Amino acid sequence: MAVPKRRTSKSVKNKRRTHYKLPRVTLAKDPETGEYRLPHRANREDVK
């Protein structure tokens, strides 16, 4: 079983975790209603 030889410091641990972040949500403005929604999604009123 692999066991670390030295303790991982807080700064090293935090530097490794800087890349774990949520992606930014992209919103597109609907030209008909002026409402912001996810791009490439069907409008609920158009589906009926």
C-alpha atoms as a PDB file:
ATOM      1  CA  MET A   1       0.000   0.000   0.000  1.00  0.00           C
ATOM      2  CA  ALA A   2       1.362   3.420  -0.949  1.00  0.00           C
ATOM      3  CA  VAL A   3       1.931   5.737   1.999  1.00  0.00           C
ATOM      4  CA  PRO A   4       3.305   9.293   1.684  1.00  0.00           C
ATOM      5  CA  LYS A   5       6.829   9.625   3.047  1.00  0.00           C
ATOM      6  CA  ARG A   6       6.278  13.239   4.140  1.00  0.00           C
ATOM      7  CA  ARG A   7       3.235  15.143   5.269  1.00  0.00           C
ATOM      8  CA  THR A   8       1.646  17.332   2.571  1.00  0.00           C
ATOM      9  CA  SER A   9       1.704  20.968   3.689  1.00  0.00           C
ATOM     10  CA  LYS A  10      -1.368  23.197   3.549  1.00  0.00           C
ATOM     11  CA  SER A  11       0.135  25.383   0.825  1.00  0.00           C
ATOM     12  CA  VAL A  12       1.015  22.431  -1.401  1.00  0.00           C
ATOM     13  CA  LYS A  13      -2.438  20.949  -0.889  1.00  0.00           C
ATOM     14  CA  ASN A  14      -4.139  24.260  -1.713  1.00  0.00           C
ATOM     15  CA  LYS A  15      -1.977  24.838  -4.793  1.00  0.00           C
ATOM     16  CA  ARG A  16      -3.037  21.458  -6.123  1.00  0.00           C
ATOM     17  CA  ARG A  17      -6.702  22.223  -5.483  1.00  0.00           C
ATOM     18  CA  THR A  18      -6.729  25.600  -7.273  1.00  0.00           C
ATOM     19  CA  HIS A  19      -7.704  23.893 -10.538  1.00  0.00           C
ATOM     20  CA  TYR A  20     -10.886  22.357  -9.051  1.00  0.00           C
ATOM     21  CA  LYS A  21     -13.460  25.045  -9.764  1.00  0.00           C
ATOM     22  CA  LEU A  22     -16.914  25.282 -11.232  1.00  0.00           C
ATOM     23  CA  PRO A  23     -17.196  26.385 -14.858  1.00  0.00           C
ATOM     24  CA  ARG A  24     -18.829  29.733 -15.487  1.00  0.00           C
ATOM     25  CA  VAL A  25     -22.448  29.444 -16.664  1.00  0.00           C
ATOM     26  CA  THR A  26     -22.946  30.905 -20.129  1.00  0.00           C
ATOM     27  CA  LEU A  27     -26.276  32.610 -20.661  1.00  0.00           C
ATOM     28  CA  ALA A  28     -27.676  33.892 -23.937  1.00  0.00           C
ATOM     29  CA  LYS A  29     -30.259  36.662 -24.193  1.00  0.00           C
ATOM     30  CA  ASP A  30     -33.441  35.598 -25.994  1.00  0.00           C
ATOM     31  CA  PRO A  31     -34.121  38.179 -28.739  1.00  0.00           C
ATOM     32  CA  GLU A  32     -37.897  37.650 -28.577  1.00  0.00           C
ATOM     33  CA  THR A  33     -38.522  37.852 -24.830  1.00  0.00           C
ATOM     34  CA  GLY A  34     -35.292  39.518 -23.681  1.00  0.00           C
ATOM     35  CA  GLU A  35     -34.908  36.796 -21.077  1.00  0.00           C
ATOM     36  CA  TYR A  36     -31.570  35.163 -20.256  1.00  0.00           C
ATOM     37  CA  ARG A  37     -31.484  31.390 -20.717  1.00  0.00           C
ATOM     38  CA  LEU A  38     -29.071  28.567 -21.510  1.00  0.00           C
ATOM     39  CA  PRO A  39     -27.997  28.560 -25.167  1.00  0.00           C
ATOM     40  CA  HIS A  40     -29.257  25.857 -27.549  1.00  0.00           C
ATOM     41  CA  ARG A  41     -32.289  25.056 -25.409  1.00  0.00           C
ATOM     42  CA  ALA A  42     -35.884  24.981 -26.620  1.00  0.00           C
ATOM     43  CA  ASN A  43     -38.304  27.603 -25.349  1.00  0.00           C
ATOM     44  CA  ARG A  44     -41.183  26.110 -23.354  1.00  0.00           C
ATOM     45  CA  GLU A  45     -43.764  28.155 -25.252  1.00  0.00           C
ATOM     46  CA  ASP A  46     -42.413  26.978 -28.623  1.00  0.00           C
ATOM     47  CA  VAL A  47     -42.596  23.269 -27.691  1.00  0.00           C
ATOM     48  CA  LYS A  48     -46.390  23.152 -27.308  1.00  0.00           C
END
